[in-house]
């Protein structure tokens, strides 16, 4: 292990203690841009499920959602600039604001961020494995149909189980490959991400632009924008803008946020920037502009080309009226589109060119998923690392290897996601993780104004205009409303399951803080909370943070109560 503290800035916040190693300052904003370039590929994760659930307004859902994400990003850019010596992203920077008002809120912020980002590894590798298997084998081939069920989880959700199949085996291999690349450190990972990014973003650009330029997008597939509904026979019809329709829209905006807000991961690498005071803002700005383009044109072209689809097999019910088998559609309402496994093949058909072109494009979309996996592993592992350094998560996570990679955190990520990879329903996993993500966003968008009040004299390399800070705060409550109203359209109990997962940090934090550290934060964290000799840093926000939490909980409760599921 490298026993040298590698820069004066790190040494200034080491609390006078020896460190076995630290993260290396080796990349500029362009490096972070390429590491974050996997975020646009997240459109593949839920583009089918949102379209199949919401109906014709789904393309507009993506545009509204990425607009929300871009406006919020300026709050994250400001708080990231306050802590150029920290890694781990907005949750870590926001946690410093909340810790002065409650010890448990700081680790809750970091924990929710990790639970939101980490499942990208499992879902992305599962989809990549499914794409590869569909390229190489027929759907009814033995390798695609065998399965060993390990544990029935139908008590959580119908048909949910832990299983081992070819998707799991191949997905695990993809995860191990991404781990090997990340093990070499942020600089090597950024270089590999650049190569993958160029190869992987190309098909997304092609899928988004080709149908628009060729005239294959039909306006009849995009409008009129009524929420999806079904008649008595199960056929798709235009719904109404009543509470049921608004619940569907809320559910679409809720699940889209998991993808569209994700470019905030560009600030995870502040501790590894050569010049964090300028690189932080540039990284999140240019990453956001890339995401605006992809999350606008790809859903528009996808839905405009394929359309909702037609009824293939009607719904079958028994004598009591219970559904024996659901109606089956083609187009974007097809089951394989909802699950995500058929999205790559559908996108390949959109540009034509025959079987060979289809296979090449699907292979390139696999690279796009690998890109998103590497982005998530880089960001989520650094969140675990910094949370451990700050005294919120177990100590073993604060170690890095000689390349400056937080390998214990990466192994933890890997083990957790091998378990998630066994899940039979990736959309349910995504929805639960997004409950945690919305909680993280709420805490950290509000952290921006708390930092303004408590640390007014701190240098801010980027200071968001007051109106943008206010917009971010309003969107924090808007996101909570979308979660309360729309989470459970992705499965009964999604909201409660997500809240339980978020609360699981409590025993972890109690063990680290009160048993391991005897109720004291590490010296470096104390520096961040009080800043030693600097005057004028105190808890000026008063009761406002507590009123904010109460208001957020009230928004979720009311929104859930009025939802029509």
Protein backbone atom coordinates (compact mmCIF):
# COMPACT_ATOMS: atom_id res chain seq x y z
CA UNK A 1 0.00 0.00 0.00
CA UNK A 2 1.14 3.53 -0.75
CA UNK A 3 1.76 5.26 2.57
CA UNK A 4 2.29 8.75 1.14
CA UNK A 5 -0.36 11.47 1.33
CA UNK A 6 -0.26 12.67 -2.22
CA UNK A 7 -1.18 16.34 -2.05
CA UNK A 8 -1.21 19.18 0.47
CA UNK A 9 -4.95 19.61 0.27
CA UNK A 10 -5.48 16.04 1.41
CA UNK A 11 -2.94 16.46 4.17
CA UNK A 12 -4.72 19.55 5.45
CA UNK A 13 -7.84 17.52 6.14
CA UNK A 14 -6.25 14.35 7.44
CA UNK A 15 -6.76 15.37 11.05
CA UNK A 16 -3.08 14.83 11.71
CA UNK A 17 -3.35 11.07 11.38
CA UNK A 18 -1.44 8.76 9.06
CA UNK A 19 -3.41 7.44 6.14
CA UNK A 20 -2.55 4.26 4.31
CA UNK A 21 -3.48 5.78 0.96
CA UNK A 22 -5.73 8.35 -0.62
CA UNK A 23 -7.47 9.04 -3.91
CA UNK A 24 -5.20 10.49 -6.62
CA UNK A 25 -5.67 13.86 -8.37
CA UNK A 26 -5.25 12.71 -11.96
CA UNK A 27 -8.21 13.83 -14.07
CA UNK A 28 -9.69 17.08 -15.40
CA UNK A 29 -13.33 17.87 -16.11
CA UNK A 30 -13.13 15.99 -19.43
CA UNK A 31 -12.13 12.81 -17.57
CA UNK A 32 -15.17 13.13 -15.29
CA UNK A 33 -17.32 13.83 -18.35
CA UNK A 34 -16.26 10.52 -19.89
CA UNK A 35 -16.68 8.64 -16.62
CA UNK A 36 -20.21 10.10 -16.40
CA UNK A 37 -20.89 9.42 -20.08
CA UNK A 38 -22.52 6.13 -19.12
CA UNK A 39 -25.55 8.04 -17.80
CA UNK A 40 -27.25 8.48 -21.22
CA UNK A 41 -27.29 4.69 -21.57
CA UNK A 42 -29.65 4.59 -18.58
CA UNK A 43 -32.40 5.44 -21.06
CA UNK A 44 -32.26 1.75 -22.04
CA UNK A 45 -33.22 0.68 -18.51
CA UNK A 46 -36.74 2.11 -18.39
CA UNK A 47 -37.66 3.52 -21.82
CA UNK A 48 -39.81 0.47 -22.49
CA UNK A 49 -41.46 0.25 -19.08
CA UNK A 50 -42.37 3.95 -19.04
CA UNK A 51 -43.84 3.83 -22.56
CA UNK A 52 -45.78 0.64 -21.80
CA UNK A 53 -47.16 2.13 -18.57
CA UNK A 54 -47.84 5.76 -19.42
CA UNK A 55 -48.69 5.51 -23.12
CA UNK A 56 -48.40 8.34 -25.64
CA UNK A 57 -47.20 11.04 -23.18
CA UNK A 58 -44.09 8.97 -22.37
CA UNK A 59 -41.78 10.89 -24.77
CA UNK A 60 -42.78 14.14 -23.06
CA UNK A 61 -42.13 12.52 -19.66
CA UNK A 62 -38.44 12.20 -20.58
CA UNK A 63 -38.15 15.80 -21.74
CA UNK A 64 -39.77 17.18 -18.58
CA UNK A 65 -37.65 14.91 -16.39
CA UNK A 66 -34.29 15.86 -17.92
CA UNK A 67 -35.30 19.53 -17.64
CA UNK A 68 -35.88 18.98 -13.91
CA UNK A 69 -32.52 17.24 -13.61
CA UNK A 70 -30.65 20.00 -15.40
CA UNK A 71 -32.14 22.74 -13.22
CA UNK A 72 -31.28 20.78 -10.08
CA UNK A 73 -27.69 20.25 -11.18
CA UNK A 74 -26.73 23.85 -10.47
CA UNK A 75 -27.44 23.37 -6.77
CA UNK A 76 -25.20 20.30 -6.78
CA UNK A 77 -22.44 22.18 -8.61
CA UNK A 78 -22.44 24.87 -5.92
CA UNK A 79 -22.21 22.55 -2.91
CA UNK A 80 -19.57 20.40 -4.62
CA UNK A 81 -17.32 23.44 -4.95
CA UNK A 82 -17.41 23.92 -1.18
CA UNK A 83 -15.54 20.66 -0.59
CA UNK A 84 -12.73 20.22 -3.15
CA UNK A 85 -11.01 17.72 -0.86
CA UNK A 86 -13.95 15.29 -0.74
CA UNK A 87 -15.02 12.47 -3.01
CA UNK A 88 -18.39 10.75 -3.20
CA UNK A 89 -20.69 13.24 -4.85
CA UNK A 90 -23.59 15.47 -3.84
CA UNK A 91 -24.79 13.20 -1.04
CA UNK A 92 -21.49 13.63 0.82
CA UNK A 93 -21.43 17.40 0.33
CA UNK A 94 -25.07 17.71 1.37
CA UNK A 95 -24.59 15.45 4.36
CA UNK A 96 -22.23 18.01 5.90
CA UNK A 97 -25.12 20.49 5.92
CA UNK A 98 -27.56 18.11 7.62
CA UNK A 99 -25.19 16.60 10.18
CA UNK A 100 -25.26 19.79 12.25
CA UNK A 101 -28.99 19.24 12.80
CA UNK A 102 -29.15 15.47 13.19
CA UNK A 103 -26.44 12.83 13.12
CA UNK A 104 -28.65 10.28 11.38
CA UNK A 105 -29.61 12.53 8.44
CA UNK A 106 -26.05 12.68 7.10
CA UNK A 107 -25.57 8.91 6.68
CA UNK A 108 -29.16 8.62 5.43
CA UNK A 109 -28.28 10.97 2.55
CA UNK A 110 -25.19 8.99 1.59
CA UNK A 111 -26.86 5.61 2.05
CA UNK A 112 -29.83 6.57 -0.16
CA UNK A 113 -27.47 7.78 -2.87
CA UNK A 114 -25.56 4.51 -2.84
CA UNK A 115 -28.74 2.38 -2.82
CA UNK A 116 -29.96 4.37 -5.80
CA UNK A 117 -26.78 4.15 -7.88
CA UNK A 118 -25.43 0.73 -7.00
CA UNK A 119 -28.26 -1.31 -8.63
CA UNK A 120 -27.18 0.07 -12.01
CA UNK A 121 -24.55 -2.66 -11.85
CA UNK A 122 -27.08 -5.47 -11.49
CA UNK A 123 -29.72 -4.10 -13.85
CA UNK A 124 -27.20 -3.02 -16.49
CA UNK A 125 -25.29 -6.30 -16.45
CA UNK A 126 -28.57 -8.24 -16.54
CA UNK A 127 -29.77 -6.32 -19.60
CA UNK A 128 -26.36 -6.65 -21.26
CA UNK A 129 -26.44 -10.40 -20.69
CA UNK A 130 -29.96 -10.57 -22.11
CA UNK A 131 -28.88 -8.65 -25.21
CA UNK A 132 -25.89 -10.95 -25.76
CA UNK A 133 -28.01 -14.07 -25.37
CA UNK A 134 -30.59 -12.73 -27.82
CA UNK A 135 -27.85 -12.13 -30.39
CA UNK A 136 -26.39 -15.61 -30.06
CA UNK A 137 -29.40 -17.85 -29.36
CA UNK A 138 -33.08 -18.19 -30.22
CA UNK A 139 -35.57 -17.22 -27.47
CA UNK A 140 -36.63 -20.87 -26.96
CA UNK A 141 -33.05 -22.23 -26.83
CA UNK A 142 -32.22 -24.27 -23.74
CA UNK A 143 -29.64 -21.75 -22.55
CA UNK A 144 -32.37 -19.08 -22.44
CA UNK A 145 -35.00 -21.17 -20.69
CA UNK A 146 -33.19 -23.06 -17.89
CA UNK A 147 -33.47 -21.62 -14.41
CA UNK A 148 -32.71 -22.66 -10.84
CA UNK A 149 -34.96 -20.93 -8.27
CA UNK A 150 -33.15 -20.34 -4.98
CA UNK A 151 -35.75 -18.42 -2.97
CA UNK A 152 -39.39 -17.52 -3.54
CA UNK A 153 -40.03 -13.84 -2.75
CA UNK A 154 -43.68 -13.70 -3.76
CA UNK A 155 -44.51 -12.40 -0.27
CA UNK A 156 -42.83 -9.16 -1.37
CA UNK A 157 -44.20 -9.07 -4.94
CA UNK A 158 -45.99 -11.61 -7.11
CA UNK A 159 -43.63 -13.79 -9.20
CA UNK A 160 -40.52 -12.30 -7.54
CA UNK A 161 -37.73 -14.77 -6.78
CA UNK A 162 -33.99 -15.20 -6.48
CA UNK A 163 -32.81 -17.41 -9.32
CA UNK A 164 -29.72 -18.48 -11.21
CA UNK A 165 -29.88 -18.68 -14.99
CA UNK A 166 -27.77 -17.85 -18.03
CA UNK A 167 -28.51 -14.14 -17.57
CA UNK A 168 -27.05 -14.25 -14.07
CA UNK A 169 -23.90 -16.15 -15.12
CA UNK A 170 -23.16 -13.90 -18.09
CA UNK A 171 -24.10 -10.76 -16.14
CA UNK A 172 -21.68 -11.71 -13.36
CA UNK A 173 -18.91 -12.01 -15.94
CA UNK A 174 -19.72 -8.50 -17.21
CA UNK A 175 -19.54 -7.15 -13.65
CA UNK A 176 -16.16 -8.76 -13.02
CA UNK A 177 -14.81 -7.26 -16.24
CA UNK A 178 -15.92 -3.76 -15.18
CA UNK A 179 -14.36 -4.35 -11.75
CA UNK A 180 -11.01 -5.27 -13.32
CA UNK A 181 -10.95 -2.00 -15.28
CA UNK A 182 -11.92 0.13 -12.25
CA UNK A 183 -9.28 -1.61 -10.12
CA UNK A 184 -6.55 0.24 -12.07
CA UNK A 185 -7.60 3.66 -10.77
CA UNK A 186 -9.60 6.66 -11.95
CA UNK A 187 -7.20 7.76 -14.71
CA UNK A 188 -7.14 4.37 -16.44
CA UNK A 189 -10.91 4.03 -15.92
CA UNK A 190 -11.52 7.47 -17.47
CA UNK A 191 -9.40 6.55 -20.51
CA UNK A 192 -11.28 3.30 -20.97
CA UNK A 193 -14.57 5.15 -20.50
CA UNK A 194 -13.61 7.55 -23.30
CA UNK A 195 -12.99 4.66 -25.70
CA UNK A 196 -16.20 2.92 -24.65
CA UNK A 197 -18.09 6.22 -24.68
CA UNK A 198 -17.28 6.94 -28.29
CA UNK A 199 -18.25 3.41 -29.33
CA UNK A 200 -21.31 3.18 -27.09
CA UNK A 201 -22.86 6.61 -27.51
CA UNK A 202 -22.79 6.26 -31.30
CA UNK A 203 -25.72 3.78 -31.46
CA UNK A 204 -27.80 5.94 -29.13
CA UNK A 205 -27.17 8.92 -31.38
CA UNK A 206 -28.02 6.81 -34.43
CA UNK A 207 -31.22 5.46 -32.90
CA UNK A 208 -32.25 8.96 -31.86
CA UNK A 209 -31.42 10.82 -35.08
CA UNK A 210 -31.97 8.33 -37.92
CA UNK A 211 -35.78 7.99 -37.59
CA UNK A 212 -36.15 11.76 -37.21
CA UNK A 213 -34.06 12.47 -40.33
CA UNK A 214 -35.56 9.65 -42.41
CA UNK A 215 -39.14 10.65 -41.65
CA UNK A 216 -40.01 7.36 -39.95
CA UNK A 217 -41.41 9.12 -36.88
CA UNK A 218 -45.21 9.28 -37.07
CA UNK A 219 -46.98 12.07 -35.22
CA UNK A 220 -49.91 9.68 -34.75
CA UNK A 221 -47.69 7.68 -32.38
CA UNK A 222 -46.95 10.78 -30.28
CA UNK A 223 -50.34 12.48 -30.02
CA UNK A 224 -52.95 13.05 -28.76
CA UNK A 225 -51.22 12.85 -25.41
CA UNK A 226 -53.73 11.05 -23.22
CA UNK A 227 -52.60 8.65 -20.48
CA UNK A 228 -52.85 4.94 -21.27
CA UNK A 229 -56.15 3.18 -20.50
CA UNK A 230 -57.91 -0.07 -21.45
CA UNK A 231 -61.49 -0.87 -22.35
CA UNK A 232 -63.52 -3.79 -21.02
CA UNK A 233 -61.93 -6.21 -23.50
CA UNK A 234 -58.38 -5.15 -22.58
CA UNK A 235 -57.76 -3.13 -25.74
CA UNK A 236 -55.73 0.07 -25.40
CA UNK A 237 -57.67 3.34 -25.54
CA UNK A 238 -56.93 6.98 -24.75
CA UNK A 239 -57.41 7.64 -21.05
CA UNK A 240 -58.45 10.83 -19.32
CA UNK A 241 -56.61 13.54 -17.42
CA UNK A 242 -58.33 12.54 -14.19
CA UNK A 243 -56.63 11.45 -10.97
CA UNK A 244 -55.97 8.00 -12.44
CA UNK A 245 -54.25 9.54 -15.46
CA UNK A 246 -52.25 11.93 -13.30
CA UNK A 247 -51.12 8.97 -11.16
CA UNK A 248 -49.70 7.31 -14.28
CA UNK A 249 -47.88 10.51 -15.27
CA UNK A 250 -46.47 10.83 -11.74
CA UNK A 251 -45.27 7.23 -11.92
CA UNK A 252 -43.57 7.89 -15.25
CA UNK A 253 -41.82 11.03 -14.00
CA UNK A 254 -40.83 9.17 -10.82
CA UNK A 255 -39.10 6.30 -12.61
CA UNK A 256 -37.56 8.50 -15.33
CA UNK A 257 -35.79 10.55 -12.64
CA UNK A 258 -33.59 7.56 -11.83
CA UNK A 259 -32.04 7.93 -15.29
CA UNK A 260 -32.32 11.62 -16.13
CA UNK A 261 -31.00 13.02 -12.83
CA UNK A 262 -28.03 10.67 -12.88
CA UNK A 263 -25.47 12.97 -14.49
CA UNK A 264 -24.97 14.59 -11.08
CA UNK A 265 -22.51 11.73 -10.65
CA UNK A 266 -20.00 13.96 -12.46
CA UNK A 267 -19.33 15.69 -9.11
CA UNK A 268 -18.39 12.36 -7.46
CA UNK A 269 -14.79 12.83 -8.55
CA UNK A 270 -14.05 16.26 -7.03
CA UNK A 271 -11.35 14.71 -4.85
CA UNK A 272 -9.65 13.38 -7.99
CA UNK A 273 -9.79 16.55 -10.11
CA UNK A 274 -6.52 18.30 -10.86
CA UNK A 275 -8.29 21.64 -10.42
CA UNK A 276 -11.53 20.98 -8.50
CA UNK A 277 -12.49 24.64 -8.26
CA UNK A 278 -13.05 24.91 -12.01
CA UNK A 279 -13.40 21.30 -13.15
CA UNK A 280 -16.47 20.53 -10.98
CA UNK A 281 -18.86 22.95 -12.68
CA UNK A 282 -17.60 22.15 -16.19
CA UNK A 283 -18.00 18.41 -15.62
CA UNK A 284 -21.63 18.62 -14.51
CA UNK A 285 -22.57 21.25 -17.13
CA UNK A 286 -21.28 19.35 -20.15
CA UNK A 287 -22.54 16.02 -18.83
CA UNK A 288 -25.96 17.62 -18.44
CA UNK A 289 -25.98 18.97 -21.99
CA UNK A 290 -25.15 15.51 -23.36
CA UNK A 291 -27.99 13.99 -21.33
CA UNK A 292 -30.49 16.63 -22.51
CA UNK A 293 -29.77 15.61 -26.10
CA UNK A 294 -29.97 11.84 -25.58
CA UNK A 295 -32.98 11.82 -23.24
CA UNK A 296 -34.89 14.02 -25.68
CA UNK A 297 -34.25 12.48 -29.10
CA UNK A 298 -34.05 8.77 -28.19
CA UNK A 299 -37.49 8.46 -26.48
CA UNK A 300 -39.02 10.67 -29.18
CA UNK A 301 -37.68 8.49 -31.99
CA UNK A 302 -38.38 5.23 -30.11
CA UNK A 303 -42.05 5.92 -29.54
CA UNK A 304 -42.59 7.81 -32.77
CA UNK A 305 -41.31 4.88 -34.82
CA UNK A 306 -42.74 1.87 -32.97
CA UNK A 307 -46.05 3.23 -31.69
CA UNK A 308 -48.00 1.75 -28.79
CA UNK A 309 -48.79 -1.44 -30.70
CA UNK A 310 -51.85 -3.54 -31.42
CA UNK A 311 -53.67 -6.22 -29.42
CA UNK A 312 -52.26 -9.66 -30.30
CA UNK A 313 -53.95 -11.88 -27.72
CA UNK A 314 -57.00 -10.70 -25.73
CA UNK A 315 -57.19 -10.91 -21.96
CA UNK A 316 -58.53 -14.21 -20.60
CA UNK A 317 -60.61 -14.32 -17.40
CA UNK A 318 -62.19 -17.14 -15.41
CA UNK A 319 -65.85 -17.46 -14.41
CA UNK A 320 -65.32 -15.19 -11.39
CA UNK A 321 -63.84 -12.44 -13.53
CA UNK A 322 -60.25 -12.96 -12.37
CA UNK A 323 -57.56 -12.43 -14.99
CA UNK A 324 -56.04 -15.77 -16.00
CA UNK A 325 -53.70 -14.31 -18.62
CA UNK A 326 -53.19 -10.65 -19.43
CA UNK A 327 -53.67 -9.19 -22.88
CA UNK A 328 -50.58 -9.32 -25.10
CA UNK A 329 -49.59 -6.53 -27.47
CA UNK A 330 -46.85 -5.85 -29.99
CA UNK A 331 -45.06 -2.48 -30.36
CA UNK A 332 -43.85 -0.77 -27.20
CA UNK A 333 -46.58 -2.49 -25.19
CA UNK A 334 -44.96 -5.88 -25.78
CA UNK A 335 -43.82 -7.69 -22.61
CA UNK A 336 -40.17 -7.82 -23.70
CA UNK A 337 -40.18 -4.04 -24.15
CA UNK A 338 -41.54 -3.49 -20.64
CA UNK A 339 -38.86 -5.76 -19.13
CA UNK A 340 -36.14 -4.06 -21.20
CA UNK A 341 -34.83 -7.29 -22.72
CA UNK A 342 -36.33 -6.54 -26.13
CA UNK A 343 -35.42 -2.85 -26.32
CA UNK A 344 -32.12 -3.33 -28.16
CA UNK A 345 -33.72 -5.54 -30.82
CA UNK A 346 -36.55 -3.03 -31.30
CA UNK A 347 -34.05 -0.19 -31.67
CA UNK A 348 -32.09 -2.23 -34.22
CA UNK A 349 -35.26 -2.70 -36.29
CA UNK A 350 -35.81 1.07 -36.20
CA UNK A 351 -32.79 1.75 -38.41
CA UNK A 352 -33.22 -1.26 -40.71
CA UNK A 353 -30.26 -2.75 -42.57
CA UNK A 354 -30.82 -6.46 -42.13
CA UNK A 355 -29.67 -9.08 -39.63
CA UNK A 356 -25.99 -8.14 -39.68
CA UNK A 357 -26.64 -4.45 -38.97
CA UNK A 358 -29.05 -5.49 -36.22
CA UNK A 359 -26.42 -7.65 -34.52
CA UNK A 360 -23.75 -4.93 -34.77
CA UNK A 361 -26.08 -2.32 -33.29
CA UNK A 362 -27.11 -4.63 -30.45
CA UNK A 363 -23.46 -5.33 -29.69
CA UNK A 364 -22.81 -1.60 -29.53
CA UNK A 365 -25.77 -1.18 -27.17
CA UNK A 366 -24.15 -3.81 -24.96
CA UNK A 367 -21.12 -1.51 -24.82
CA UNK A 368 -23.45 1.33 -23.82
CA UNK A 369 -24.68 -0.75 -20.89
CA UNK A 370 -21.11 -1.63 -19.89
CA UNK A 371 -20.39 2.10 -19.96
CA UNK A 372 -23.25 2.75 -17.53
CA UNK A 373 -22.02 -0.07 -15.28
CA UNK A 374 -18.55 1.46 -15.10
CA UNK A 375 -20.01 4.90 -14.39
CA UNK A 376 -22.04 3.49 -11.53
CA UNK A 377 -19.21 1.42 -10.07
CA UNK A 378 -16.89 4.45 -10.11
CA UNK A 379 -19.42 6.77 -8.49
CA UNK A 380 -21.11 4.46 -5.99
CA UNK A 381 -17.83 3.00 -4.70
CA UNK A 382 -16.48 6.49 -4.04
CA UNK A 383 -19.66 7.34 -2.16
CA UNK A 384 -19.02 4.35 0.12
CA UNK A 385 -15.35 5.32 0.47
CA UNK A 386 -16.03 8.91 1.50
CA UNK A 387 -18.85 7.91 3.86
CA UNK A 388 -16.42 5.58 5.61
CA UNK A 389 -13.74 8.28 5.82
CA UNK A 390 -16.34 10.61 7.35
CA UNK A 391 -17.37 8.06 9.97
CA UNK A 392 -20.80 7.01 8.73
CA UNK A 393 -20.16 3.57 7.23
CA UNK A 394 -17.84 0.70 8.31
CA UNK A 395 -14.13 1.51 8.48
CA UNK A 396 -12.94 -1.11 6.03
CA UNK A 397 -14.53 0.89 3.17
CA UNK A 398 -12.02 3.75 3.60
CA UNK A 399 -9.04 1.84 2.18
CA UNK A 400 -7.74 2.22 -1.37
CA UNK A 401 -5.20 0.26 -3.40
CA UNK A 402 -1.89 1.59 -4.75
CA UNK A 403 -3.68 2.86 -7.87
CA UNK A 404 -5.96 5.03 -5.73
CA UNK A 405 -9.03 2.84 -6.36
CA UNK A 406 -11.35 2.19 -3.37
CA UNK A 407 -11.27 -1.58 -3.81
CA UNK A 408 -13.06 -2.61 -0.56
CA UNK A 409 -15.97 -0.37 -1.56
CA UNK A 410 -15.89 -1.83 -5.06
CA UNK A 411 -15.98 -5.40 -3.68
CA UNK A 412 -18.95 -4.42 -1.52
CA UNK A 413 -20.71 -3.02 -4.58
CA UNK A 414 -19.95 -6.20 -6.49
CA UNK A 415 -21.24 -8.56 -3.81
CA UNK A 416 -24.45 -6.58 -3.28
CA UNK A 417 -25.17 -6.53 -6.99
CA UNK A 418 -24.51 -10.22 -7.53
CA UNK A 419 -27.41 -10.72 -5.12
CA UNK A 420 -29.60 -8.21 -7.00
CA UNK A 421 -28.63 -9.86 -10.29
CA UNK A 422 -30.45 -12.97 -9.11
CA UNK A 423 -33.73 -11.03 -8.88
CA UNK A 424 -36.37 -12.05 -11.41
CA UNK A 425 -37.82 -8.52 -11.82
CA UNK A 426 -35.34 -5.73 -12.56
CA UNK A 427 -38.02 -3.04 -12.91
CA UNK A 428 -39.11 -3.63 -9.31
CA UNK A 429 -35.49 -3.34 -8.17
CA UNK A 430 -35.16 -0.09 -10.11
CA UNK A 431 -38.35 1.34 -8.58
CA UNK A 432 -37.28 0.54 -5.00
CA UNK A 433 -33.84 2.05 -5.57
CA UNK A 434 -35.49 5.17 -6.98
CA UNK A 435 -37.39 5.72 -3.73
CA UNK A 436 -33.98 6.04 -2.12
CA UNK A 437 -32.80 8.30 -4.94
CA UNK A 438 -35.69 10.73 -4.49
CA UNK A 439 -34.98 10.89 -0.74
CA UNK A 440 -31.33 11.66 -1.53
CA UNK A 441 -32.34 14.41 -3.95
CA UNK A 442 -34.70 15.96 -1.43
CA UNK A 443 -32.04 16.14 1.27
CA UNK A 444 -29.31 17.48 -0.99
CA UNK A 445 -31.30 20.06 -2.91
CA UNK A 446 -32.31 21.51 0.45
CA UNK A 447 -28.70 21.24 1.65
CA UNK A 448 -27.80 24.02 -0.82
CA UNK A 449 -29.75 26.70 1.04
CA UNK A 450 -28.69 25.28 4.43
CA UNK A 451 -25.06 25.72 3.39
CA UNK A 452 -25.86 29.29 2.29
CA UNK A 453 -27.22 30.08 5.75
CA UNK A 454 -24.62 28.22 7.82
CA UNK A 455 -21.53 28.96 5.71
CA UNK A 456 -22.15 32.37 4.11
CA UNK A 457 -18.48 33.37 3.97
CA UNK A 458 -17.12 30.20 2.35
CA UNK A 459 -15.56 30.57 -1.08
CA UNK A 460 -17.88 29.29 -3.80
CA UNK A 461 -16.12 28.72 -7.15
CA UNK A 462 -19.61 28.48 -8.62
CA UNK A 463 -22.53 30.23 -6.93
CA UNK A 464 -25.94 29.43 -8.37
CA UNK A 465 -28.29 32.38 -8.89
CA UNK A 466 -30.84 32.66 -6.09
CA UNK A 467 -33.72 31.85 -8.42
CA UNK A 468 -32.05 28.59 -9.49
CA UNK A 469 -31.50 27.63 -5.87
CA UNK A 470 -35.18 28.33 -5.23
CA UNK A 471 -36.20 26.23 -8.26
CA UNK A 472 -34.10 23.36 -6.95
CA UNK A 473 -35.86 23.57 -3.58
CA UNK A 474 -39.31 23.56 -5.22
CA UNK A 475 -38.30 20.55 -7.35
CA UNK A 476 -37.19 18.74 -4.20
CA UNK A 477 -40.78 18.82 -2.95
CA UNK A 478 -42.12 18.10 -6.43
CA UNK A 479 -40.02 14.91 -6.55
CA UNK A 480 -41.40 13.81 -3.19
CA UNK A 481 -44.93 14.30 -4.51
CA UNK A 482 -44.17 12.26 -7.63
CA UNK A 483 -42.77 9.49 -5.43
CA UNK A 484 -45.77 9.46 -3.10
CA UNK A 485 -48.25 9.37 -5.96
CA UNK A 486 -46.44 7.26 -8.53
CA UNK A 487 -44.12 4.77 -6.82
CA UNK A 488 -46.70 2.04 -6.28
CA UNK A 489 -47.79 1.85 -9.92
CA UNK A 490 -44.57 -0.17 -10.31
CA UNK A 491 -45.82 -2.75 -7.83
CA UNK A 492 -47.78 -2.72 -4.59
CA UNK A 493 -45.49 -1.99 -1.68
CA UNK A 494 -42.79 -0.26 -3.74
CA UNK A 495 -42.92 2.91 -1.63
CA UNK A 496 -42.83 1.07 1.69
CA UNK A 497 -40.08 -1.28 0.52
CA UNK A 498 -37.95 1.68 -0.56
CA UNK A 499 -38.45 3.46 2.75
CA UNK A 500 -37.48 0.30 4.64
CA UNK A 501 -34.30 0.00 2.56
CA UNK A 502 -33.47 3.63 3.33
CA UNK A 503 -34.02 3.09 7.05
CA UNK A 504 -31.64 0.10 7.07
CA UNK A 505 -28.76 2.56 7.48
CA UNK A 506 -29.72 3.15 11.12
CA UNK A 507 -28.15 -0.01 12.62
CA UNK A 508 -25.11 0.33 10.31
CA UNK A 509 -24.47 3.90 11.46
CA UNK A 510 -25.07 3.05 15.12
CA UNK A 511 -22.46 0.31 14.94
CA UNK A 512 -19.84 2.54 13.28
CA UNK A 513 -20.42 5.72 15.24
CA UNK A 514 -21.30 4.52 18.72
CA UNK A 515 -19.48 1.18 18.93
CA UNK A 516 -16.45 1.55 16.63
CA UNK A 517 -15.82 5.29 17.08
CA UNK A 518 -17.27 5.65 20.62
CA UNK A 519 -19.63 8.45 19.60
CA UNK A 520 -16.99 10.70 17.99
CA UNK A 521 -16.53 11.65 14.34
CA UNK A 522 -13.09 11.35 12.69
CA UNK A 523 -10.95 14.48 12.97
CA UNK A 524 -11.35 15.31 9.28
CA UNK A 525 -15.13 15.28 9.59
CA UNK A 526 -15.02 17.54 12.64
CA UNK A 527 -12.99 19.99 10.56
CA UNK A 528 -15.73 19.99 7.93
CA UNK A 529 -18.48 20.55 10.47
CA UNK A 530 -16.86 23.36 12.43
CA UNK A 531 -13.86 24.53 10.36
CA UNK A 532 -11.68 25.15 13.39
CA UNK A 533 -10.35 28.71 13.24
CA UNK A 534 -12.84 30.07 10.69
CA UNK A 535 -15.35 32.41 12.28
CA UNK A 536 -19.03 32.76 11.44
CA UNK A 537 -19.81 29.09 10.78
CA UNK A 538 -22.78 28.05 12.88
CA UNK A 539 -26.27 26.60 12.67
CA UNK A 540 -28.16 29.65 11.43
CA UNK A 541 -30.96 27.66 9.79
CA UNK A 542 -32.61 27.10 13.17
CA UNK A 543 -35.82 25.07 12.92
CA UNK A 544 -36.08 25.39 9.13
CA UNK A 545 -34.41 22.02 8.37
CA UNK A 546 -36.84 20.25 10.70
CA UNK A 547 -39.84 22.04 9.16
CA UNK A 548 -38.52 21.06 5.73
CA UNK A 549 -38.42 17.39 6.71
CA UNK A 550 -41.93 17.54 8.13
CA UNK A 551 -43.23 19.25 4.99
CA UNK A 552 -41.56 16.64 2.78
CA UNK A 553 -43.15 13.79 4.73
CA UNK A 554 -46.53 15.53 4.49
CA UNK A 555 -46.20 15.88 0.71
CA UNK A 556 -45.49 12.15 0.34
CA UNK A 557 -48.41 11.20 2.59
CA UNK A 558 -50.95 13.42 0.83
CA UNK A 559 -49.75 12.46 -2.66
CA UNK A 560 -49.97 8.76 -1.80
CA UNK A 561 -53.44 9.21 -0.33
CA UNK A 562 -54.89 10.87 -3.46
CA UNK A 563 -53.26 8.46 -5.96
CA UNK A 564 -55.53 6.13 -7.92
CA UNK A 565 -53.73 2.81 -8.32
